[in-house]
N, C-alpha and C. Protein backbone atom coordinates (compact mmCIF):
# COMPACT_ATOMS: atom_id res chain seq x y z
N UNK A 1 -1.45 -9.89 21.30
CA UNK A 1 -1.67 -9.66 19.88
C UNK A 1 -3.04 -9.01 19.72
N UNK A 2 -3.08 -7.87 19.02
CA UNK A 2 -4.35 -7.19 18.85
C UNK A 2 -5.16 -7.79 17.70
N UNK A 3 -6.38 -7.30 17.56
CA UNK A 3 -7.30 -7.85 16.56
C UNK A 3 -6.77 -7.71 15.13
N UNK A 4 -6.17 -6.56 14.81
CA UNK A 4 -5.63 -6.34 13.46
C UNK A 4 -4.47 -7.28 13.18
N UNK A 5 -3.58 -7.46 14.15
CA UNK A 5 -2.44 -8.37 13.96
C UNK A 5 -2.91 -9.79 13.73
N UNK A 6 -3.89 -10.23 14.50
CA UNK A 6 -4.43 -11.58 14.33
C UNK A 6 -5.07 -11.72 12.95
N UNK A 7 -5.85 -10.72 12.57
CA UNK A 7 -6.49 -10.72 11.26
C UNK A 7 -5.45 -10.81 10.15
N UNK A 8 -4.41 -9.99 10.23
CA UNK A 8 -3.38 -9.98 9.19
C UNK A 8 -2.58 -11.27 9.17
N UNK A 9 -2.35 -11.85 10.31
CA UNK A 9 -1.63 -13.13 10.38
C UNK A 9 -2.45 -14.23 9.70
N UNK A 10 -3.74 -14.26 9.97
CA UNK A 10 -4.62 -15.25 9.34
C UNK A 10 -4.69 -15.01 7.83
N UNK A 11 -4.84 -13.76 7.42
CA UNK A 11 -4.88 -13.44 5.99
C UNK A 11 -3.56 -13.77 5.31
N UNK A 12 -2.44 -13.51 5.98
CA UNK A 12 -1.14 -13.86 5.40
C UNK A 12 -1.06 -15.37 5.16
N UNK A 13 -1.54 -16.15 6.11
CA UNK A 13 -1.57 -17.61 5.92
C UNK A 13 -2.45 -17.99 4.74
N UNK A 14 -3.58 -17.32 4.59
CA UNK A 14 -4.47 -17.57 3.46
C UNK A 14 -3.79 -17.22 2.14
N UNK A 15 -3.10 -16.09 2.10
CA UNK A 15 -2.41 -15.69 0.87
C UNK A 15 -1.27 -16.66 0.52
N UNK A 16 -0.57 -17.16 1.52
CA UNK A 16 0.47 -18.16 1.27
C UNK A 16 -0.17 -19.42 0.69
N UNK A 17 -1.27 -19.86 1.31
CA UNK A 17 -1.96 -21.06 0.81
C UNK A 17 -2.44 -20.86 -0.63
N UNK A 18 -3.00 -19.70 -0.93
CA UNK A 18 -3.43 -19.40 -2.30
C UNK A 18 -2.24 -19.40 -3.26
N UNK A 19 -1.11 -18.89 -2.80
CA UNK A 19 0.09 -18.86 -3.63
C UNK A 19 0.63 -20.24 -3.94
N UNK A 20 0.29 -21.20 -3.11
CA UNK A 20 0.71 -22.59 -3.35
C UNK A 20 -0.33 -23.32 -4.19
N UNK A 21 -1.60 -23.09 -3.92
CA UNK A 21 -2.68 -23.83 -4.57
C UNK A 21 -3.00 -23.31 -5.98
N UNK A 22 -3.06 -21.99 -6.16
CA UNK A 22 -3.41 -21.44 -7.48
C UNK A 22 -2.52 -21.98 -8.60
N UNK A 23 -1.20 -22.00 -8.43
CA UNK A 23 -0.36 -22.55 -9.51
C UNK A 23 -0.63 -24.03 -9.79
N UNK A 24 -1.05 -24.77 -8.78
CA UNK A 24 -1.37 -26.19 -8.98
C UNK A 24 -2.57 -26.34 -9.92
N UNK A 25 -3.59 -25.51 -9.72
CA UNK A 25 -4.77 -25.57 -10.58
C UNK A 25 -4.46 -25.08 -11.99
N UNK A 26 -3.80 -23.95 -12.06
CA UNK A 26 -3.53 -23.33 -13.34
C UNK A 26 -2.41 -24.05 -14.08
N UNK A 27 -1.53 -24.74 -13.36
CA UNK A 27 -0.42 -25.45 -13.96
C UNK A 27 -0.84 -26.55 -14.91
N UNK A 28 -2.07 -27.03 -14.79
CA UNK A 28 -2.57 -28.07 -15.68
C UNK A 28 -2.77 -27.57 -17.11
N UNK A 29 -2.74 -26.26 -17.28
CA UNK A 29 -2.90 -25.67 -18.60
C UNK A 29 -1.60 -25.83 -19.41
N UNK A 30 -0.50 -26.10 -18.73
CA UNK A 30 0.79 -26.24 -19.40
C UNK A 30 1.58 -24.97 -19.32
N UNK A 31 2.31 -24.67 -20.39
CA UNK A 31 3.18 -23.49 -20.39
C UNK A 31 2.38 -22.20 -20.20
N UNK A 32 1.18 -22.14 -20.75
CA UNK A 32 0.34 -20.96 -20.56
C UNK A 32 0.07 -20.73 -19.08
N UNK A 33 -0.13 -21.80 -18.33
CA UNK A 33 -0.37 -21.68 -16.89
C UNK A 33 0.77 -20.97 -16.18
N UNK A 34 2.00 -21.26 -16.57
CA UNK A 34 3.16 -20.58 -15.99
C UNK A 34 3.18 -19.12 -16.39
N UNK A 35 2.76 -18.82 -17.58
CA UNK A 35 2.78 -17.44 -18.08
C UNK A 35 1.70 -16.58 -17.41
N UNK A 36 0.73 -17.21 -16.77
CA UNK A 36 -0.32 -16.46 -16.08
C UNK A 36 0.14 -15.94 -14.71
N UNK A 37 1.29 -16.42 -14.24
CA UNK A 37 1.91 -15.96 -13.00
C UNK A 37 0.96 -16.05 -11.79
N UNK A 38 0.36 -17.21 -11.57
CA UNK A 38 -0.65 -17.31 -10.52
C UNK A 38 -0.13 -17.11 -9.10
N UNK A 39 1.15 -17.34 -8.85
CA UNK A 39 1.68 -17.15 -7.50
C UNK A 39 1.80 -15.66 -7.16
N UNK A 40 1.92 -14.82 -8.17
CA UNK A 40 2.12 -13.39 -7.94
C UNK A 40 0.86 -12.73 -7.37
N UNK A 41 -0.30 -13.15 -7.80
CA UNK A 41 -1.55 -12.49 -7.42
C UNK A 41 -1.78 -12.47 -5.91
N UNK A 42 -1.70 -13.61 -5.21
CA UNK A 42 -1.90 -13.56 -3.75
C UNK A 42 -0.86 -12.70 -3.03
N UNK A 43 0.36 -12.69 -3.53
CA UNK A 43 1.41 -11.90 -2.88
C UNK A 43 1.14 -10.41 -3.06
N UNK A 44 0.79 -10.00 -4.27
CA UNK A 44 0.45 -8.60 -4.50
C UNK A 44 -0.72 -8.17 -3.62
N UNK A 45 -1.73 -9.02 -3.53
CA UNK A 45 -2.89 -8.72 -2.68
C UNK A 45 -2.50 -8.67 -1.20
N UNK A 46 -1.59 -9.53 -0.77
CA UNK A 46 -1.17 -9.54 0.64
C UNK A 46 -0.58 -8.18 1.03
N UNK A 47 0.24 -7.61 0.16
CA UNK A 47 0.80 -6.30 0.46
C UNK A 47 -0.28 -5.23 0.57
N UNK A 48 -1.19 -5.22 -0.38
CA UNK A 48 -2.27 -4.23 -0.35
C UNK A 48 -3.17 -4.41 0.87
N UNK A 49 -3.55 -5.63 1.16
CA UNK A 49 -4.54 -5.90 2.21
C UNK A 49 -3.95 -5.88 3.61
N UNK A 50 -2.78 -6.50 3.79
CA UNK A 50 -2.22 -6.67 5.13
C UNK A 50 -1.12 -5.67 5.47
N UNK A 51 -0.56 -5.03 4.46
CA UNK A 51 0.53 -4.10 4.71
C UNK A 51 1.87 -4.70 4.35
N UNK A 52 2.88 -3.83 4.30
CA UNK A 52 4.18 -4.25 3.79
C UNK A 52 4.88 -5.33 4.60
N UNK A 53 4.82 -5.34 5.94
CA UNK A 53 5.57 -6.40 6.63
C UNK A 53 5.03 -7.79 6.29
N UNK A 54 3.71 -7.91 6.24
CA UNK A 54 3.09 -9.20 5.91
C UNK A 54 3.31 -9.53 4.43
N UNK A 55 3.17 -8.53 3.56
CA UNK A 55 3.41 -8.75 2.14
C UNK A 55 4.82 -9.23 1.87
N UNK A 56 5.79 -8.64 2.55
CA UNK A 56 7.19 -9.04 2.42
C UNK A 56 7.37 -10.51 2.80
N UNK A 57 6.83 -10.89 3.94
CA UNK A 57 6.99 -12.27 4.44
C UNK A 57 6.24 -13.26 3.54
N UNK A 58 5.01 -12.92 3.16
CA UNK A 58 4.24 -13.80 2.27
C UNK A 58 5.00 -14.00 0.96
N UNK A 59 5.53 -12.92 0.41
CA UNK A 59 6.27 -13.01 -0.84
C UNK A 59 7.53 -13.84 -0.72
N UNK A 60 8.23 -13.71 0.38
CA UNK A 60 9.48 -14.45 0.53
C UNK A 60 9.23 -15.94 0.79
N UNK A 61 8.24 -16.24 1.59
CA UNK A 61 7.98 -17.64 2.00
C UNK A 61 7.31 -18.46 0.90
N UNK A 62 6.37 -17.88 0.18
CA UNK A 62 5.52 -18.65 -0.72
C UNK A 62 6.28 -19.46 -1.76
N UNK A 63 7.21 -18.90 -2.54
CA UNK A 63 7.91 -19.72 -3.54
C UNK A 63 8.76 -20.83 -2.92
N UNK A 64 9.39 -20.52 -1.80
CA UNK A 64 10.24 -21.52 -1.15
C UNK A 64 9.38 -22.65 -0.60
N UNK A 65 8.28 -22.32 0.06
CA UNK A 65 7.38 -23.34 0.60
C UNK A 65 6.77 -24.18 -0.52
N UNK A 66 6.37 -23.52 -1.60
CA UNK A 66 5.82 -24.27 -2.74
C UNK A 66 6.87 -25.22 -3.32
N UNK A 67 8.10 -24.78 -3.40
CA UNK A 67 9.17 -25.64 -3.90
C UNK A 67 9.40 -26.84 -2.99
N UNK A 68 9.35 -26.61 -1.69
CA UNK A 68 9.53 -27.71 -0.73
C UNK A 68 8.39 -28.72 -0.83
N UNK A 69 7.17 -28.22 -0.99
CA UNK A 69 5.99 -29.09 -1.03
C UNK A 69 5.83 -29.81 -2.36
N UNK A 70 6.03 -29.09 -3.46
CA UNK A 70 5.71 -29.65 -4.78
C UNK A 70 6.93 -29.85 -5.70
N UNK A 71 8.09 -29.40 -5.27
CA UNK A 71 9.32 -29.44 -6.08
C UNK A 71 9.26 -28.50 -7.30
N UNK A 72 8.28 -27.63 -7.34
CA UNK A 72 8.17 -26.63 -8.41
C UNK A 72 7.80 -25.28 -7.77
N UNK A 73 8.45 -24.22 -8.11
CA UNK A 73 9.61 -24.18 -8.99
C UNK A 73 10.81 -24.85 -8.34
N UNK A 74 11.78 -25.20 -9.14
CA UNK A 74 13.00 -25.77 -8.59
C UNK A 74 13.59 -24.79 -7.58
N UNK A 75 14.10 -25.32 -6.49
CA UNK A 75 14.60 -24.44 -5.43
C UNK A 75 15.69 -23.51 -5.95
N UNK A 76 16.67 -24.09 -6.67
CA UNK A 76 17.78 -23.28 -7.18
C UNK A 76 17.77 -23.29 -8.69
N UNK A 77 17.78 -22.20 -9.32
CA UNK A 77 17.72 -20.84 -8.80
C UNK A 77 16.30 -20.30 -8.70
N UNK A 78 15.31 -21.05 -9.26
CA UNK A 78 13.95 -20.55 -9.43
C UNK A 78 13.28 -20.02 -8.18
N UNK A 79 13.06 -20.88 -7.18
CA UNK A 79 12.32 -20.47 -5.99
C UNK A 79 13.06 -19.41 -5.19
N UNK A 80 14.37 -19.53 -5.16
CA UNK A 80 15.15 -18.54 -4.39
C UNK A 80 15.05 -17.17 -5.05
N UNK A 81 15.25 -17.11 -6.36
CA UNK A 81 15.14 -15.82 -7.06
C UNK A 81 13.72 -15.28 -6.96
N UNK A 82 12.74 -16.16 -7.12
CA UNK A 82 11.33 -15.72 -7.01
C UNK A 82 11.01 -15.21 -5.61
N UNK A 83 11.63 -15.79 -4.59
CA UNK A 83 11.33 -15.34 -3.23
C UNK A 83 11.73 -13.88 -3.04
N UNK A 84 12.83 -13.47 -3.65
CA UNK A 84 13.23 -12.07 -3.57
C UNK A 84 12.31 -11.18 -4.40
N UNK A 85 11.94 -11.66 -5.58
CA UNK A 85 11.01 -10.92 -6.45
C UNK A 85 9.67 -10.71 -5.74
N UNK A 86 9.10 -11.79 -5.24
CA UNK A 86 7.78 -11.69 -4.62
C UNK A 86 7.83 -10.94 -3.29
N UNK A 87 8.94 -11.05 -2.58
CA UNK A 87 9.09 -10.25 -1.35
C UNK A 87 9.06 -8.76 -1.70
N UNK A 88 9.71 -8.40 -2.80
CA UNK A 88 9.68 -7.00 -3.25
C UNK A 88 8.25 -6.59 -3.61
N UNK A 89 7.50 -7.47 -4.28
CA UNK A 89 6.10 -7.17 -4.60
C UNK A 89 5.30 -6.86 -3.34
N UNK A 90 5.38 -7.79 -2.38
CA UNK A 90 4.59 -7.63 -1.15
C UNK A 90 5.00 -6.40 -0.36
N UNK A 91 6.31 -6.18 -0.28
CA UNK A 91 6.83 -5.01 0.42
C UNK A 91 6.34 -3.72 -0.23
N UNK A 92 6.53 -3.62 -1.53
CA UNK A 92 6.22 -2.37 -2.22
C UNK A 92 4.73 -2.10 -2.38
N UNK A 93 3.92 -3.13 -2.66
CA UNK A 93 2.48 -2.85 -2.75
C UNK A 93 1.97 -2.33 -1.42
N UNK A 94 2.41 -2.95 -0.33
CA UNK A 94 1.98 -2.50 0.99
C UNK A 94 2.47 -1.12 1.35
N UNK A 95 3.74 -0.87 1.09
CA UNK A 95 4.34 0.41 1.44
C UNK A 95 3.80 1.55 0.57
N UNK A 96 3.76 1.34 -0.74
CA UNK A 96 3.29 2.41 -1.63
C UNK A 96 1.80 2.70 -1.42
N UNK A 97 1.02 1.65 -1.21
CA UNK A 97 -0.42 1.85 -0.98
C UNK A 97 -0.65 2.67 0.29
N UNK A 98 0.18 2.44 1.28
CA UNK A 98 0.06 3.20 2.53
C UNK A 98 0.52 4.65 2.36
N UNK A 99 1.56 4.85 1.54
CA UNK A 99 2.14 6.19 1.38
C UNK A 99 1.40 7.07 0.38
N UNK A 100 0.84 6.46 -0.67
CA UNK A 100 0.15 7.24 -1.70
C UNK A 100 -1.17 7.80 -1.15
N UNK A 101 -1.69 8.86 -1.81
CA UNK A 101 -3.01 9.37 -1.41
C UNK A 101 -4.06 8.25 -1.42
N UNK A 102 -5.05 8.38 -0.60
CA UNK A 102 -6.03 7.31 -0.38
C UNK A 102 -7.16 7.31 -1.41
N UNK A 103 -6.83 7.60 -2.65
CA UNK A 103 -7.81 7.54 -3.74
C UNK A 103 -7.60 6.25 -4.50
N UNK A 104 -8.70 5.68 -4.99
CA UNK A 104 -8.65 4.39 -5.68
C UNK A 104 -7.65 4.36 -6.83
N UNK A 105 -7.52 5.46 -7.53
CA UNK A 105 -6.65 5.50 -8.71
C UNK A 105 -5.19 5.19 -8.36
N UNK A 106 -4.78 5.42 -7.11
CA UNK A 106 -3.39 5.20 -6.72
C UNK A 106 -3.05 3.73 -6.50
N UNK A 107 -4.04 2.86 -6.56
CA UNK A 107 -3.75 1.43 -6.53
C UNK A 107 -2.92 1.05 -7.76
N UNK A 108 -3.23 1.67 -8.89
CA UNK A 108 -2.56 1.31 -10.15
C UNK A 108 -1.08 1.68 -10.14
N UNK A 109 -0.69 2.92 -9.80
CA UNK A 109 0.76 3.18 -9.77
C UNK A 109 1.49 2.35 -8.71
N UNK A 110 0.85 2.10 -7.57
CA UNK A 110 1.48 1.25 -6.56
C UNK A 110 1.74 -0.14 -7.13
N UNK A 111 0.77 -0.66 -7.86
CA UNK A 111 0.89 -1.98 -8.48
C UNK A 111 1.99 -1.97 -9.54
N UNK A 112 1.95 -1.02 -10.45
CA UNK A 112 2.91 -0.98 -11.56
C UNK A 112 4.35 -0.81 -11.08
N UNK A 113 4.56 0.08 -10.14
CA UNK A 113 5.91 0.29 -9.59
C UNK A 113 6.39 -0.99 -8.91
N UNK A 114 5.51 -1.61 -8.14
CA UNK A 114 5.87 -2.86 -7.45
C UNK A 114 6.23 -3.96 -8.43
N UNK A 115 5.44 -4.08 -9.50
CA UNK A 115 5.70 -5.12 -10.50
C UNK A 115 7.03 -4.87 -11.21
N UNK A 116 7.32 -3.64 -11.52
CA UNK A 116 8.57 -3.31 -12.21
C UNK A 116 9.78 -3.56 -11.30
N UNK A 117 9.72 -3.04 -10.09
CA UNK A 117 10.85 -3.21 -9.16
C UNK A 117 11.04 -4.68 -8.80
N UNK A 118 9.95 -5.40 -8.60
CA UNK A 118 10.05 -6.83 -8.30
C UNK A 118 10.76 -7.59 -9.40
N UNK A 119 10.48 -7.26 -10.64
CA UNK A 119 11.15 -7.93 -11.77
C UNK A 119 12.63 -7.57 -11.82
N UNK A 120 12.96 -6.34 -11.48
CA UNK A 120 14.37 -5.95 -11.41
C UNK A 120 15.08 -6.72 -10.29
N UNK A 121 14.42 -6.84 -9.15
CA UNK A 121 14.98 -7.61 -8.04
C UNK A 121 15.19 -9.07 -8.47
N UNK A 122 14.21 -9.65 -9.18
CA UNK A 122 14.36 -11.01 -9.69
C UNK A 122 15.58 -11.11 -10.60
N UNK A 123 15.76 -10.13 -11.47
CA UNK A 123 16.90 -10.13 -12.38
C UNK A 123 18.23 -10.08 -11.64
N UNK A 124 18.32 -9.25 -10.62
CA UNK A 124 19.55 -9.14 -9.83
C UNK A 124 19.80 -10.46 -9.08
N UNK A 125 18.75 -11.00 -8.46
CA UNK A 125 18.90 -12.28 -7.75
C UNK A 125 19.31 -13.39 -8.70
N UNK A 126 18.69 -13.44 -9.87
CA UNK A 126 19.03 -14.47 -10.86
C UNK A 126 20.46 -14.32 -11.35
N UNK A 127 20.87 -13.08 -11.59
CA UNK A 127 22.24 -12.82 -12.04
C UNK A 127 23.24 -13.33 -11.00
N UNK A 128 22.98 -13.04 -9.74
CA UNK A 128 23.88 -13.48 -8.67
C UNK A 128 23.86 -15.00 -8.53
N UNK A 129 22.67 -15.58 -8.47
CA UNK A 129 22.56 -17.03 -8.27
C UNK A 129 23.14 -17.82 -9.44
N UNK A 130 22.80 -17.41 -10.65
CA UNK A 130 23.33 -18.11 -11.82
C UNK A 130 24.83 -17.86 -11.97
N UNK A 131 25.27 -16.65 -11.61
CA UNK A 131 26.70 -16.36 -11.65
C UNK A 131 27.48 -17.25 -10.70
N UNK A 132 26.92 -17.50 -9.52
CA UNK A 132 27.57 -18.38 -8.55
C UNK A 132 27.70 -19.80 -9.07
N UNK A 133 26.75 -20.21 -9.91
CA UNK A 133 26.80 -21.57 -10.44
C UNK A 133 27.47 -21.63 -11.81
N UNK A 134 27.95 -20.50 -12.30
CA UNK A 134 28.65 -20.47 -13.58
C UNK A 134 27.75 -20.49 -14.80
N UNK A 135 26.46 -20.26 -14.61
CA UNK A 135 25.51 -20.25 -15.73
C UNK A 135 25.33 -18.82 -16.24
N UNK A 136 25.10 -18.67 -17.53
CA UNK A 136 24.94 -17.32 -18.08
C UNK A 136 23.58 -16.72 -17.73
N UNK A 137 23.56 -15.42 -17.59
CA UNK A 137 22.32 -14.67 -17.42
C UNK A 137 22.50 -13.37 -18.19
N UNK A 138 21.93 -13.33 -19.38
CA UNK A 138 22.11 -12.19 -20.27
C UNK A 138 20.94 -11.22 -20.18
N UNK A 139 21.13 -10.07 -20.80
CA UNK A 139 20.06 -9.07 -20.88
C UNK A 139 18.84 -9.66 -21.60
N UNK A 140 19.09 -10.45 -22.65
CA UNK A 140 18.00 -11.08 -23.40
C UNK A 140 17.22 -12.07 -22.53
N UNK A 141 17.92 -12.84 -21.72
CA UNK A 141 17.25 -13.78 -20.80
C UNK A 141 16.40 -13.00 -19.80
N UNK A 142 16.95 -11.91 -19.28
CA UNK A 142 16.21 -11.09 -18.32
C UNK A 142 14.92 -10.55 -18.94
N UNK A 143 15.02 -9.91 -20.09
CA UNK A 143 13.85 -9.31 -20.75
C UNK A 143 12.82 -10.40 -21.08
N UNK A 144 13.29 -11.50 -21.62
CA UNK A 144 12.38 -12.59 -22.00
C UNK A 144 11.65 -13.16 -20.79
N UNK A 145 12.39 -13.50 -19.74
CA UNK A 145 11.78 -14.14 -18.58
C UNK A 145 11.03 -13.18 -17.67
N UNK A 146 11.49 -11.96 -17.56
CA UNK A 146 10.85 -11.00 -16.65
C UNK A 146 9.64 -10.32 -17.27
N UNK A 147 9.63 -10.18 -18.59
CA UNK A 147 8.56 -9.41 -19.21
C UNK A 147 7.82 -10.17 -20.31
N UNK A 148 8.52 -10.60 -21.33
CA UNK A 148 7.86 -11.14 -22.52
C UNK A 148 7.06 -12.40 -22.21
N UNK A 149 7.68 -13.37 -21.54
CA UNK A 149 6.98 -14.63 -21.24
C UNK A 149 5.80 -14.41 -20.29
N UNK A 150 5.89 -13.39 -19.48
CA UNK A 150 4.84 -13.14 -18.49
C UNK A 150 3.76 -12.17 -18.92
N UNK A 151 3.74 -11.77 -20.18
CA UNK A 151 2.75 -10.78 -20.63
C UNK A 151 1.31 -11.16 -20.27
N UNK A 152 0.87 -12.41 -20.49
CA UNK A 152 -0.51 -12.73 -20.10
C UNK A 152 -0.77 -12.50 -18.61
N UNK A 153 0.16 -12.91 -17.76
CA UNK A 153 0.00 -12.72 -16.32
C UNK A 153 0.07 -11.26 -15.92
N UNK A 154 0.95 -10.51 -16.55
CA UNK A 154 1.07 -9.09 -16.26
C UNK A 154 -0.24 -8.37 -16.59
N UNK A 155 -0.81 -8.68 -17.73
CA UNK A 155 -2.08 -8.06 -18.14
C UNK A 155 -3.18 -8.43 -17.14
N UNK A 156 -3.26 -9.69 -16.77
CA UNK A 156 -4.27 -10.13 -15.80
C UNK A 156 -4.10 -9.39 -14.48
N UNK A 157 -2.86 -9.27 -14.01
CA UNK A 157 -2.60 -8.58 -12.74
C UNK A 157 -3.03 -7.12 -12.82
N UNK A 158 -2.71 -6.46 -13.92
CA UNK A 158 -3.04 -5.04 -14.06
C UNK A 158 -4.56 -4.84 -14.10
N UNK A 159 -5.28 -5.83 -14.59
CA UNK A 159 -6.74 -5.72 -14.66
C UNK A 159 -7.39 -6.11 -13.34
N UNK A 160 -7.05 -7.29 -12.79
CA UNK A 160 -7.83 -7.78 -11.65
C UNK A 160 -7.37 -7.30 -10.28
N UNK A 161 -6.09 -7.02 -10.11
CA UNK A 161 -5.63 -6.59 -8.78
C UNK A 161 -6.30 -5.28 -8.36
N UNK A 162 -6.30 -4.22 -9.20
CA UNK A 162 -7.00 -3.00 -8.77
C UNK A 162 -8.48 -3.23 -8.48
N UNK A 163 -9.13 -4.04 -9.30
CA UNK A 163 -10.56 -4.31 -9.09
C UNK A 163 -10.77 -4.97 -7.73
N UNK A 164 -9.95 -5.97 -7.41
CA UNK A 164 -10.08 -6.68 -6.13
C UNK A 164 -9.77 -5.76 -4.97
N UNK A 165 -8.67 -5.00 -5.06
CA UNK A 165 -8.27 -4.11 -3.96
C UNK A 165 -9.33 -3.05 -3.71
N UNK A 166 -9.84 -2.43 -4.77
CA UNK A 166 -10.86 -1.39 -4.62
C UNK A 166 -12.14 -1.98 -4.03
N UNK A 167 -12.53 -3.17 -4.49
CA UNK A 167 -13.73 -3.81 -3.94
C UNK A 167 -13.53 -4.14 -2.46
N UNK A 168 -12.37 -4.67 -2.10
CA UNK A 168 -12.10 -4.99 -0.69
C UNK A 168 -12.06 -3.73 0.16
N UNK A 169 -11.50 -2.64 -0.40
CA UNK A 169 -11.45 -1.37 0.33
C UNK A 169 -12.86 -0.85 0.58
N UNK A 170 -13.70 -0.90 -0.44
CA UNK A 170 -15.08 -0.39 -0.30
C UNK A 170 -15.88 -1.25 0.66
N UNK A 171 -15.53 -2.52 0.78
CA UNK A 171 -16.20 -3.42 1.71
C UNK A 171 -15.64 -3.29 3.13
N UNK A 172 -14.62 -2.44 3.28
CA UNK A 172 -14.03 -2.23 4.60
C UNK A 172 -13.06 -3.33 5.02
N UNK A 173 -12.55 -4.08 4.06
CA UNK A 173 -11.68 -5.20 4.39
C UNK A 173 -10.19 -4.91 4.19
N UNK A 174 -9.87 -3.70 3.73
CA UNK A 174 -8.48 -3.32 3.55
C UNK A 174 -8.16 -2.27 4.61
N UNK A 175 -7.33 -2.64 5.56
CA UNK A 175 -6.97 -1.70 6.63
C UNK A 175 -5.65 -1.01 6.35
N UNK A 176 -4.88 -1.54 5.41
CA UNK A 176 -3.56 -0.99 5.14
C UNK A 176 -3.63 0.45 4.63
N UNK A 177 -4.67 0.81 3.94
CA UNK A 177 -4.77 2.15 3.38
C UNK A 177 -5.14 3.24 4.38
N UNK A 178 -5.45 2.87 5.60
CA UNK A 178 -5.88 3.85 6.60
C UNK A 178 -4.72 4.56 7.23
């Protein structure tokens, strides 16, 4: 295992841990804490910092592991649907950041595309999972849960993720963009 692989493996573990711990701290705020989407931030950063393979794995594992450890989110359908959503986030932030031109401004479209596609993936996973259990999943439920309820978290992500990624890049701590 080379130095970069070891570094990314350690960082992936750190991002998974943050994805489990951040919601615990913020969850004390109540419903607002859930709307801040604290598990999403470490996964989005994992893709940018470690690359798409690590981002994909961090995104897929984090909700399931958090559900096993804390029973929140509920495994079915919550953690399972979220695992596909967050896997898409980690995959796409890593992949798009690597493919886009290496200018700071391209962090934003990589982030926005990843956030949009991840929410669509969540909707498809939720539709399938809820359909299997005979529960309804309407267009209104999708829009409400994927976008409206998460507006505070979406705004926070759009503001802080580019700032963090650009700062880490300038500090030489982001190797994925090379």
